[in-house]
PDB file of N, CA and C in Angstrom:
ATOM      1  N   MET A   1       0.874  -1.143  -0.036  1.00  0.00           N
ATOM      2  CA  MET A   1       0.000  -0.012   0.054  1.00  0.00           C
ATOM      3  C   MET A   1       0.843   1.267  -0.075  1.00  0.00           C
ATOM      4  N   SER A   2       0.525   2.115  -0.845  1.00  0.00           N
ATOM      5  CA  SER A   2       1.373   3.300  -0.962  1.00  0.00           C
ATOM      6  C   SER A   2       0.792   4.386  -0.073  1.00  0.00           C
ATOM      7  N   THR A   3       1.548   5.133   0.602  1.00  0.00           N
ATOM      8  CA  THR A   3       1.092   6.272   1.374  1.00  0.00           C
ATOM      9  C   THR A   3       1.406   7.493   0.599  1.00  0.00           C
ATOM     10  N   VAL A   4       0.475   8.397   0.790  1.00  0.00           N
ATOM     11  CA  VAL A   4       0.875   9.755   0.156  1.00  0.00           C
ATOM     12  C   VAL A   4       1.419  10.706   1.236  1.00  0.00           C
ATOM     13  N   PRO A   5       2.456  11.290   0.960  1.00  0.00           N
ATOM     14  CA  PRO A   5       3.130  12.092   1.965  1.00  0.00           C
ATOM     15  C   PRO A   5       2.124  13.159   2.444  1.00  0.00           C
ATOM     16  N   ALA A   6       2.416  13.741   3.562  1.00  0.00           N
ATOM     17  CA  ALA A   6       1.496  14.627   4.229  1.00  0.00           C
ATOM     18  C   ALA A   6       1.403  15.983   3.340  1.00  0.00           C
ATOM     19  N   PHE A   7       2.526  16.485   2.872  1.00  0.00           N
ATOM     20  CA  PHE A   7       2.506  17.623   2.080  1.00  0.00           C
ATOM     21  C   PHE A   7       1.587  17.484   0.862  1.00  0.00           C
ATOM     22  N   GLN A   8       1.644  16.389   0.321  1.00  0.00           N
ATOM     23  CA  GLN A   8       0.969  16.090  -0.901  1.00  0.00           C
ATOM     24  C   GLN A   8      -0.581  16.058  -0.602  1.00  0.00           C
ATOM     25  N   ARG A   9      -1.010  15.439   0.466  1.00  0.00           N
ATOM     26  CA  ARG A   9      -2.360  15.522   0.954  1.00  0.00           C
ATOM     27  C   ARG A   9      -2.855  16.840   1.294  1.00  0.00           C
ATOM     28  N   LYS A  10      -1.929  17.646   1.836  1.00  0.00           N
ATOM     29  CA  LYS A  10      -2.355  19.092   2.111  1.00  0.00           C
ATOM     30  C   LYS A  10      -2.607  19.790   0.788  1.00  0.00           C
ATOM     31  N   LYS A  11      -1.684  19.593  -0.171  1.00  0.00           N
ATOM     32  CA  LYS A  11      -1.829  20.240  -1.435  1.00  0.00           C
ATOM     33  C   LYS A  11      -3.122  19.910  -2.174  1.00  0.00           C
ATOM     34  N   ASN A  12      -3.406  18.556  -2.161  1.00  0.00           N
ATOM     35  CA  ASN A  12      -4.642  18.255  -2.714  1.00  0.00           C
ATOM     36  C   ASN A  12      -5.930  18.617  -2.039  1.00  0.00           C
ATOM     37  N   HIS A  13      -5.892  18.807  -0.660  1.00  0.00           N
ATOM     38  CA  HIS A  13      -6.902  19.422   0.030  1.00  0.00           C
ATOM     39  C   HIS A  13      -7.183  20.886  -0.244  1.00  0.00           C
ATOM     40  N   LYS A  14      -6.039  21.582  -0.360  1.00  0.00           N
ATOM     41  CA  LYS A  14      -6.061  23.070  -0.736  1.00  0.00           C
ATOM     42  C   LYS A  14      -6.668  23.178  -2.150  1.00  0.00           C
ATOM     43  N   MET A  15      -6.248  22.227  -2.983  1.00  0.00           N
ATOM     44  CA  MET A  15      -6.802  22.370  -4.461  1.00  0.00           C
ATOM     45  C   MET A  15      -8.267  22.082  -4.429  1.00  0.00           C
ATOM     46  N   SER A  16      -8.646  21.131  -3.726  1.00  0.00           N
ATOM     47  CA  SER A  16     -10.202  20.706  -3.620  1.00  0.00           C
ATOM     48  C   SER A  16     -10.986  21.994  -3.043  1.00  0.00           C
ATOM     49  N   CYS A  17     -10.479  22.616  -1.974  1.00  0.00           N
ATOM     50  CA  CYS A  17     -11.076  23.684  -1.424  1.00  0.00           C
ATOM     51  C   CYS A  17     -11.215  24.868  -2.396  1.00  0.00           C
ATOM     52  N   LEU A  18     -10.160  25.073  -3.057  1.00  0.00           N
ATOM     53  CA  LEU A  18     -10.101  26.140  -4.130  1.00  0.00           C
ATOM     54  C   LEU A  18     -11.103  25.885  -5.280  1.00  0.00           C
ATOM     55  N   CYS A  19     -11.206  24.656  -5.784  1.00  0.00           N
ATOM     56  CA  CYS A  19     -12.212  24.251  -6.714  1.00  0.00           C
ATOM     57  C   CYS A  19     -13.593  24.429  -6.303  1.00  0.00           C
ATOM     58  N   ILE A  20     -13.872  24.023  -4.981  1.00  0.00           N
ATOM     59  CA  ILE A  20     -15.165  24.136  -4.391  1.00  0.00           C
ATOM     60  C   ILE A  20     -15.602  25.691  -4.339  1.00  0.00           C
ATOM     61  N   THR A  21     -14.636  26.516  -3.799  1.00  0.00           N
ATOM     62  CA  THR A  21     -14.833  27.826  -3.645  1.00  0.00           C
ATOM     63  C   THR A  21     -15.209  28.544  -4.960  1.00  0.00           C
ATOM     64  N   VAL A  22     -14.283  28.246  -6.030  1.00  0.00           N
ATOM     65  CA  VAL A  22     -14.613  28.874  -7.409  1.00  0.00           C
ATOM     66  C   VAL A  22     -15.969  28.418  -7.842  1.00  0.00           C
ATOM     67  N   THR A  23     -16.301  27.168  -7.700  1.00  0.00           N
ATOM     68  CA  THR A  23     -17.666  26.670  -8.199  1.00  0.00           C
ATOM     69  C   THR A  23     -18.789  27.380  -7.451  1.00  0.00           C
ATOM     70  N   MET A  24     -18.582  27.503  -6.135  1.00  0.00           N
ATOM     71  CA  MET A  24     -19.680  28.163  -5.362  1.00  0.00           C
ATOM     72  C   MET A  24     -19.764  29.651  -5.720  1.00  0.00           C
ATOM     73  N   ALA A  25     -18.602  30.387  -6.011  1.00  0.00           N
ATOM     74  CA  ALA A  25     -18.704  31.744  -6.414  1.00  0.00           C
ATOM     75  C   ALA A  25     -19.339  31.880  -7.722  1.00  0.00           C
ATOM     76  N   PHE A  26     -19.048  30.945  -8.703  1.00  0.00           N
ATOM     77  CA  PHE A  26     -19.781  30.960 -10.013  1.00  0.00           C
ATOM     78  C   PHE A  26     -21.254  30.889  -9.869  1.00  0.00           C
ATOM     79  N   ILE A  27     -21.596  29.786  -8.987  1.00  0.00           N
ATOM     80  CA  ILE A  27     -23.079  29.546  -8.971  1.00  0.00           C
ATOM     81  C   ILE A  27     -23.750  30.681  -8.188  1.00  0.00           C
ATOM     82  N   LEU A  28     -23.147  31.353  -7.286  1.00  0.00           N
ATOM     83  CA  LEU A  28     -23.774  32.546  -6.530  1.00  0.00           C
ATOM     84  C   LEU A  28     -23.884  33.760  -7.464  1.00  0.00           C
ATOM     85  N   SER A  29     -22.825  33.846  -8.394  1.00  0.00           N
ATOM     86  CA  SER A  29     -22.898  34.989  -9.386  1.00  0.00           C
ATOM     87  C   SER A  29     -23.952  34.715 -10.392  1.00  0.00           C
ATOM     88  N   VAL A  30     -24.148  33.571 -10.822  1.00  0.00           N
ATOM     89  CA  VAL A  30     -25.241  33.253 -11.836  1.00  0.00           C
ATOM     90  C   VAL A  30     -26.609  33.462 -11.175  1.00  0.00           C
ATOM     91  N   ILE A  31     -26.621  33.085  -9.864  1.00  0.00           N
ATOM     92  CA  ILE A  31     -27.997  33.357  -9.109  1.00  0.00           C
ATOM     93  C   ILE A  31     -28.236  34.716  -8.942  1.00  0.00           C
ATOM     94  N   ALA A  32     -27.127  35.558  -8.591  1.00  0.00           N
ATOM     95  CA  ALA A  32     -27.362  37.026  -8.464  1.00  0.00           C
ATOM     96  C   ALA A  32     -27.760  37.707  -9.678  1.00  0.00           C
ATOM     97  N   ILE A  33     -27.121  37.355 -10.808  1.00  0.00           N
ATOM     98  CA  ILE A  33     -27.464  38.020 -12.167  1.00  0.00           C
ATOM     99  C   ILE A  33     -28.842  37.634 -12.527  1.00  0.00           C
ATOM    100  N   ASP A  34     -29.279  36.436 -12.328  1.00  0.00           N
ATOM    101  CA  ASP A  34     -30.608  36.041 -12.794  1.00  0.00           C
ATOM    102  C   ASP A  34     -31.583  36.604 -11.821  1.00  0.00           C
ATOM    103  N   GLY A  35     -31.276  36.832 -10.585  1.00  0.00           N
ATOM    104  CA  GLY A  35     -32.164  37.506  -9.553  1.00  0.00           C
ATOM    105  C   GLY A  35     -32.372  38.902 -10.030  1.00  0.00           C
ATOM    106  N   TYR A  36     -31.385  39.564 -10.365  1.00  0.00           N
ATOM    107  CA  TYR A  36     -31.363  41.022 -10.943  1.00  0.00           C
ATOM    108  C   TYR A  36     -32.328  41.030 -12.175  1.00  0.00           C
ATOM    109  N   LYS A  37     -32.098  40.119 -13.064  1.00  0.00           N
ATOM    110  CA  LYS A  37     -32.946  40.161 -14.224  1.00  0.00           C
ATOM    111  C   LYS A  37     -34.459  39.988 -13.971  1.00  0.00           C
ATOM    112  N   LEU A  38     -34.685  39.037 -13.035  1.00  0.00           N
ATOM    113  CA  LEU A  38     -36.083  38.828 -12.581  1.00  0.00           C
ATOM    114  C   LEU A  38     -36.614  39.975 -11.935  1.00  0.00           C
ATOM    115  N   LYS A  39     -35.972  40.692 -11.143  1.00  0.00           N
ATOM    116  CA  LYS A  39     -36.346  41.956 -10.553  1.00  0.00           C
ATOM    117  C   LYS A  39     -36.735  42.922 -11.478  1.00  0.00           C
ATOM    118  N   ASN A  40     -35.872  43.108 -12.556  1.00  0.00           N
ATOM    119  CA  ASN A  40     -36.209  44.067 -13.574  1.00  0.00           C
ATOM    120  C   ASN A  40     -37.542  43.766 -14.279  1.00  0.00           C
ATOM    121  N   LYS A  41     -37.612  42.448 -14.563  1.00  0.00           N
ATOM    122  CA  LYS A  41     -38.901  42.006 -15.376  1.00  0.00           C
ATOM    123  C   LYS A  41     -40.099  42.225 -14.313  1.00  0.00           C
ATOM    124  N   TYR A  42     -40.018  42.029 -13.132  1.00  0.00           N
ATOM    125  CA  TYR A  42     -41.021  42.134 -12.189  1.00  0.00           C
ATOM    126  C   TYR A  42     -41.475  43.646 -12.204  1.00  0.00           C
ATOM    127  N   THR A  43     -40.450  44.610 -12.148  1.00  0.00           N
ATOM    128  CA  THR A  43     -40.747  45.920 -12.176  1.00  0.00           C
ATOM    129  C   THR A  43     -41.488  46.395 -13.389  1.00  0.00           C
ATOM    130  N   GLN A  44     -40.950  45.821 -14.678  1.00  0.00           N
ATOM    131  CA  GLN A  44     -41.625  46.154 -15.753  1.00  0.00           C
ATOM    132  C   GLN A  44     -43.067  45.723 -15.814  1.00  0.00           C
ATOM    133  N   TYR A  45     -43.323  44.541 -15.300  1.00  0.00           N
ATOM    134  CA  TYR A  45     -44.686  43.990 -15.275  1.00  0.00           C
ATOM    135  C   TYR A  45     -45.510  44.712 -14.430  1.00  0.00           C
ATOM    136  N   GLN A  46     -45.047  45.123 -13.226  1.00  0.00           N
ATOM    137  CA  GLN A  46     -45.894  45.979 -12.418  1.00  0.00           C
ATOM    138  C   GLN A  46     -46.193  47.386 -12.903  1.00  0.00           C
ATOM    139  N   ASN A  47     -45.238  47.983 -13.612  1.00  0.00           N
ATOM    140  CA  ASN A  47     -45.642  49.151 -14.427  1.00  0.00           C
ATOM    141  C   ASN A  47     -46.647  49.021 -15.423  1.00  0.00           C
ATOM    142  N   ARG A  48     -46.558  47.821 -16.144  1.00  0.00           N
ATOM    143  CA  ARG A  48     -47.483  47.545 -17.117  1.00  0.00           C
ATOM    144  C   ARG A  48     -48.902  47.311 -16.585  1.00  0.00           C
ATOM    145  N   ILE A  49     -48.950  46.634 -15.427  1.00  0.00           N
ATOM    146  CA  ILE A  49     -50.194  46.402 -14.676  1.00  0.00           C
ATOM    147  C   ILE A  49     -50.734  47.674 -14.211  1.00  0.00           C
ATOM    148  N   ASP A  50     -49.907  48.584 -13.693  1.00  0.00           N
ATOM    149  CA  ASP A  50     -50.474  49.969 -13.257  1.00  0.00           C
ATOM    150  C   ASP A  50     -51.014  50.774 -14.459  1.00  0.00           C
ATOM    151  N   GLU A  51     -50.248  50.701 -15.582  1.00  0.00           N
ATOM    152  CA  GLU A  51     -50.832  51.377 -16.798  1.00  0.00           C
ATOM    153  C   GLU A  51     -52.144  50.787 -17.332  1.00  0.00           C
ATOM    154  N   LEU A  52     -52.208  49.476 -17.288  1.00  0.00           N
ATOM    155  CA  LEU A  52     -53.456  48.731 -17.751  1.00  0.00           C
ATOM    156  C   LEU A  52     -54.614  49.155 -16.744  1.00  0.00           C
ATOM    157  N   ASN A  53     -54.425  49.114 -15.535  1.00  0.00           N
ATOM    158  CA  ASN A  53     -55.444  49.429 -14.526  1.00  0.00           C
ATOM    159  C   ASN A  53     -55.857  50.821 -14.782  1.00  0.00           C
ATOM    160  N   SER A  54     -54.913  51.777 -15.024  1.00  0.00           N
ATOM    161  CA  SER A  54     -55.312  53.113 -15.344  1.00  0.00           C
ATOM    162  C   SER A  54     -56.267  53.289 -16.658  1.00  0.00           C
ATOM    163  N   ASN A  55     -55.793  52.484 -17.614  1.00  0.00           N
ATOM    164  CA  ASN A  55     -56.665  52.492 -18.900  1.00  0.00           C
ATOM    165  C   ASN A  55     -57.985  51.779 -18.597  1.00  0.00           C
ATOM    166  N   ILE A  56     -58.143  50.850 -17.722  1.00  0.00           N
ATOM    167  CA  ILE A  56     -59.488  50.274 -17.344  1.00  0.00           C
ATOM    168  C   ILE A  56     -60.278  51.329 -16.754  1.00  0.00           C
ATOM    169  N   GLU A  57     -59.759  52.114 -15.709  1.00  0.00           N
ATOM    170  CA  GLU A  57     -60.433  53.070 -15.114  1.00  0.00           C
ATOM    171  C   GLU A  57     -60.962  54.158 -16.067  1.00  0.00           C
ATOM    172  N   SER A  58     -60.124  54.568 -16.957  1.00  0.00           N
ATOM    173  CA  SER A  58     -60.561  55.660 -17.878  1.00  0.00           C
ATOM    174  C   SER A  58     -61.618  55.116 -18.816  1.00  0.00           C
ATOM    175  N   GLU A  59     -61.489  53.790 -19.276  1.00  0.00           N
ATOM    176  CA  GLU A  59     -62.429  53.228 -20.067  1.00  0.00           C
ATOM    177  C   GLU A  59     -63.894  53.018 -19.408  1.00  0.00           C
ATOM    178  N   GLU A  60     -63.849  52.730 -18.071  1.00  0.00           N
ATOM    179  CA  GLU A  60     -65.002  52.640 -17.307  1.00  0.00           C
ATOM    180  C   GLU A  60     -65.733  53.887 -17.136  1.00  0.00           C
ATOM    181  N   LYS A  61     -64.998  54.931 -16.979  1.00  0.00           N
ATOM    182  CA  LYS A  61     -65.506  56.340 -16.935  1.00  0.00           C
ATOM    183  C   LYS A  61     -66.057  56.744 -18.225  1.00  0.00           C
ATOM    184  N   ARG A  62     -65.362  56.429 -19.271  1.00  0.00           N
ATOM    185  CA  ARG A  62     -65.911  56.694 -20.618  1.00  0.00           C
ATOM    186  C   ARG A  62     -67.187  55.950 -20.895  1.00  0.00           C
ATOM    187  N   THR A  63     -67.295  54.694 -20.529  1.00  0.00           N
ATOM    188  CA  THR A  63     -68.488  53.910 -20.580  1.00  0.00           C
ATOM    189  C   THR A  63     -69.621  54.476 -19.843  1.00  0.00           C
ATOM    190  N   GLU A  64     -69.386  55.132 -18.655  1.00  0.00           N
ATOM    191  CA  GLU A  64     -70.337  55.602 -17.794  1.00  0.00           C
ATOM    192  C   GLU A  64     -70.908  56.838 -18.583  1.00  0.00           C
ATOM    193  N   ASP A  65     -69.882  57.645 -19.112  1.00  0.00           N
ATOM    194  CA  ASP A  65     -70.260  58.865 -19.775  1.00  0.00           C
ATOM    195  C   ASP A  65     -71.166  58.551 -21.077  1.00  0.00           C
ATOM    196  N   LEU A  66     -70.709  57.503 -21.678  1.00  0.00           N
ATOM    197  CA  LEU A  66     -71.693  57.112 -22.920  1.00  0.00           C
ATOM    198  C   LEU A  66     -72.994  56.701 -22.533  1.00  0.00           C
ATOM    199  N   LYS A  67     -73.134  56.026 -21.358  1.00  0.00           N
ATOM    200  CA  LYS A  67     -74.487  55.600 -20.845  1.00  0.00           C
ATOM    201  C   LYS A  67     -75.280  56.820 -20.593  1.00  0.00           C
ATOM    202  N   GLN A  68     -74.653  57.735 -19.937  1.00  0.00           N
ATOM    203  CA  GLN A  68     -75.314  59.095 -19.620  1.00  0.00           C
ATOM    204  C   GLN A  68     -75.819  59.791 -20.863  1.00  0.00           C
ATOM    205  N   PHE A  69     -74.867  59.828 -21.950  1.00  0.00           N
ATOM    206  CA  PHE A  69     -75.252  60.426 -23.173  1.00  0.00           C
ATOM    207  C   PHE A  69     -76.369  59.630 -23.826  1.00  0.00           C
ATOM    208  N   GLU A  70     -76.267  58.328 -23.743  1.00  0.00           N
ATOM    209  CA  GLU A  70     -77.385  57.585 -24.393  1.00  0.00           C
ATOM    210  C   GLU A  70     -78.716  57.937 -23.782  1.00  0.00           C
ATOM    211  N   LYS A  71     -78.782  58.047 -22.442  1.00  0.00           N
ATOM    212  CA  LYS A  71     -79.954  58.409 -21.697  1.00  0.00           C
ATOM    213  C   LYS A  71     -80.448  59.830 -22.274  1.00  0.00           C
ATOM    214  N   TYR A  72     -79.522  60.707 -22.325  1.00  0.00           N
ATOM    215  CA  TYR A  72     -79.833  62.020 -22.655  1.00  0.00           C
ATOM    216  C   TYR A  72     -80.339  62.100 -24.155  1.00  0.00           C
ATOM    217  N   THR A  73     -79.836  61.291 -25.037  1.00  0.00           N
ATOM    218  CA  THR A  73     -80.206  61.297 -26.466  1.00  0.00           C
ATOM    219  C   THR A  73     -81.736  60.842 -26.591  1.00  0.00           C
ATOM    220  N   LYS A  74     -82.301  60.162 -25.580  1.00  0.00           N
ATOM    221  CA  LYS A  74     -83.698  59.690 -25.678  1.00  0.00           C
ATOM    222  C   LYS A  74     -84.648  60.777 -24.938  1.00  0.00           C
ATOM    223  N   THR A  75     -84.076  61.940 -24.660  1.00  0.00           N
ATOM    224  CA  THR A  75     -85.015  62.892 -24.045  1.00  0.00           C
ATOM    225  C   THR A  75     -85.464  63.921 -25.077  1.00  0.00           C
ATOM    226  N   ARG A  76     -86.580  64.543 -24.785  1.00  0.00           N
ATOM    227  CA  ARG A  76     -87.132  65.554 -25.672  1.00  0.00           C
ATOM    228  C   ARG A  76     -86.193  66.759 -25.817  1.00  0.00           C
ATOM    229  N   LYS A  77     -85.523  67.118 -24.727  1.00  0.00           N
ATOM    230  CA  LYS A  77     -84.606  68.230 -24.743  1.00  0.00           C
ATOM    231  C   LYS A  77     -83.488  67.976 -25.724  1.00  0.00           C
ATOM    232  N   TYR A  78     -82.994  66.846 -25.861  1.00  0.00           N
ATOM    233  CA  TYR A  78     -81.905  66.628 -26.910  1.00  0.00           C
ATOM    234  C   TYR A  78     -82.469  66.700 -28.260  1.00  0.00           C
ATOM    235  N   ALA A  79     -83.730  66.205 -28.491  1.00  0.00           N
ATOM    236  CA  ALA A  79     -84.311  66.418 -29.896  1.00  0.00           C
ATOM    237  C   ALA A  79     -84.500  67.799 -30.257  1.00  0.00           C
ATOM    238  N   GLU A  80     -84.931  68.512 -29.251  1.00  0.00           N
ATOM    239  CA  GLU A  80     -85.200  70.052 -29.493  1.00  0.00           C
ATOM    240  C   GLU A  80     -83.807  70.702 -29.819  1.00  0.00           C
ATOM    241  N   GLN A  81     -82.905  70.271 -29.037  1.00  0.00           N
ATOM    242  CA  GLN A  81     -81.489  70.885 -29.326  1.00  0.00           C
ATOM    243  C   GLN A  81     -80.966  70.565 -30.594  1.00  0.00           C
ATOM    244  N   VAL A  82     -81.052  69.399 -31.132  1.00  0.00           N
ATOM    245  CA  VAL A  82     -80.562  68.916 -32.425  1.00  0.00           C
ATOM    246  C   VAL A  82     -81.404  69.702 -33.449  1.00  0.00           C
ATOM    247  N   ALA A  83     -82.669  69.750 -33.323  1.00  0.00           N
ATOM    248  CA  ALA A  83     -83.566  70.436 -34.216  1.00  0.00           C
ATOM    249  C   ALA A  83     -83.087  72.011 -34.399  1.00  0.00           C
ATOM    250  N   GLU A  84     -82.920  72.601 -33.320  1.00  0.00           N
ATOM    251  CA  GLU A  84     -82.488  73.880 -33.343  1.00  0.00           C
ATOM    252  C   GLU A  84     -81.120  74.153 -33.965  1.00  0.00           C
ATOM    253  N   ASP A  85     -80.123  73.275 -33.591  1.00  0.00           N
ATOM    254  CA  ASP A  85     -78.681  73.440 -34.101  1.00  0.00           C
ATOM    255  C   ASP A  85     -78.593  73.003 -35.497  1.00  0.00           C
ATOM    256  N   LYS A  86     -79.175  71.940 -35.868  1.00  0.00           N
ATOM    257  CA  LYS A  86     -78.824  71.383 -37.092  1.00  0.00           C
ATOM    258  C   LYS A  86     -79.934  71.800 -38.243  1.00  0.00           C
ATOM    259  N   LEU A  87     -81.205  71.952 -37.778  1.00  0.00           N
ATOM    260  CA  LEU A  87     -82.212  72.334 -38.830  1.00  0.00           C
ATOM    261  C   LEU A  87     -82.614  73.720 -38.689  1.00  0.00           C
ATOM    262  N   GLY A  88     -82.200  74.400 -37.586  1.00  0.00           N
ATOM    263  CA  GLY A  88     -82.663  75.852 -37.464  1.00  0.00           C
ATOM    264  C   GLY A  88     -84.126  76.055 -37.023  1.00  0.00           C
ATOM    265  N   LEU A  89     -84.763  75.027 -36.548  1.00  0.00           N
ATOM    266  CA  LEU A  89     -86.089  75.091 -36.129  1.00  0.00           C
ATOM    267  C   LEU A  89     -86.303  75.758 -34.804  1.00  0.00           C
ATOM    268  N   VAL A  90     -87.410  76.436 -34.545  1.00  0.00           N
ATOM    269  CA  VAL A  90     -87.598  77.133 -33.332  1.00  0.00           C
ATOM    270  C   VAL A  90     -89.056  76.850 -32.883  1.00  0.00           C
ATOM    271  N   HIS A  91     -89.329  77.237 -31.728  1.00  0.00           N
ATOM    272  CA  HIS A  91     -90.643  77.097 -31.120  1.00  0.00           C
ATOM    273  C   HIS A  91     -91.516  78.117 -31.647  1.00  0.00           C
ATOM    274  N   ASP A  92     -92.821  77.965 -31.610  1.00  0.00           N
ATOM    275  CA  ASP A  92     -93.734  79.036 -32.055  1.00  0.00           C
ATOM    276  C   ASP A  92     -93.718  80.404 -31.488  1.00  0.00           C
ATOM    277  N   ASP A  93     -93.355  80.322 -30.223  1.00  0.00           N
ATOM    278  CA  ASP A  93     -93.259  81.592 -29.442  1.00  0.00           C
ATOM    279  C   ASP A  93     -91.873  82.262 -29.472  1.00  0.00           C
ATOM    280  N   GLU A  94     -90.995  81.664 -30.154  1.00  0.00           N
ATOM    281  CA  GLU A  94     -89.579  82.284 -30.081  1.00  0.00           C
ATOM    282  C   GLU A  94     -89.357  83.136 -31.293  1.00  0.00           C
ATOM    283  N   ILE A  95     -88.521  84.152 -30.947  1.00  0.00           N
ATOM    284  CA  ILE A  95     -88.159  85.179 -32.031  1.00  0.00           C
ATOM    285  C   ILE A  95     -86.611  85.100 -32.193  1.00  0.00           C
ATOM    286  N   ILE A  96     -86.117  84.974 -33.503  1.00  0.00           N
ATOM    287  CA  ILE A  96     -84.696  84.882 -33.663  1.00  0.00           C
ATOM    288  C   ILE A  96     -84.216  86.239 -34.247  1.00  0.00           C
ATOM    289  N   PHE A  97     -83.243  86.634 -33.688  1.00  0.00           N
ATOM    290  CA  PHE A  97     -82.521  87.862 -34.139  1.00  0.00           C
ATOM    291  C   PHE A  97     -81.210  87.453 -34.845  1.00  0.00           C
ATOM    292  N   LYS A  98     -81.177  88.029 -36.171  1.00  0.00           N
ATOM    293  CA  LYS A  98     -79.939  87.736 -36.833  1.00  0.00           C
ATOM    294  C   LYS A  98     -79.239  89.023 -37.087  1.00  0.00           C
ATOM    295  N   PRO A  99     -77.823  89.049 -37.008  1.00  0.00           N
ATOM    296  CA  PRO A  99     -77.187  90.260 -37.193  1.00  0.00           C
ATOM    297  C   PRO A  99     -77.216  90.725 -38.696  1.00  0.00           C
ATOM    298  N   SER A 100     -77.353  91.949 -38.806  1.00  0.00           N
ATOM    299  CA  SER A 100     -77.334  92.530 -40.245  1.00  0.00           C
ATOM    300  C   SER A 100     -75.942  92.503 -40.819  1.00  0.00           C
ATOM    301  N   ASP A 101     -75.905  92.638 -42.064  1.00  0.00           N
ATOM    302  CA  ASP A 101     -74.570  92.660 -42.740  1.00  0.00           C
ATOM    303  C   ASP A 101     -73.827  93.959 -42.363  1.00  0.00           C
ATOM    304  N   GLU A 102     -74.454  95.006 -42.049  1.00  0.00           N
ATOM    305  CA  GLU A 102     -73.745  96.262 -41.455  1.00  0.00           C
ATOM    306  C   GLU A 102     -73.071  96.097 -40.160  1.00  0.00           C
ATOM    307  N   ASP A 103     -73.598  95.168 -39.295  1.00  0.00           N
ATOM    308  CA  ASP A 103     -72.860  94.869 -37.928  1.00  0.00           C
ATOM    309  C   ASP A 103     -71.590  94.129 -38.197  1.00  0.00           C
ATOM    310  N   GLN A 104     -71.458  93.496 -39.254  1.00  0.00           N
ATOM    311  CA  GLN A 104     -70.271  92.575 -39.392  1.00  0.00           C
ATOM    312  C   GLN A 104     -69.098  93.343 -39.929  1.00  0.00           C
TER     313      GLN A 104
END
């Protein structure tokens, strides 16, 4: 049986520790880099979620405004306003004053 001298065993032990240390450092650096990338993605996704929630709120408000306008378009007041604005119609008891050419 051959025996390995003590200095040789010590050298092998130091080399093994060095290899394990380098391997662990590499693994930790890979984990740190991937963690940083994941954190950036998470931040981007959170920003996108906030933006989409803001869009949802504005669209819900717009939907409510459209529902109110839909109700308004079914009223007599709206029909009268459209008749006055687009067709120039007036009620029987109204008088319309138009500026003369001299005033312009």
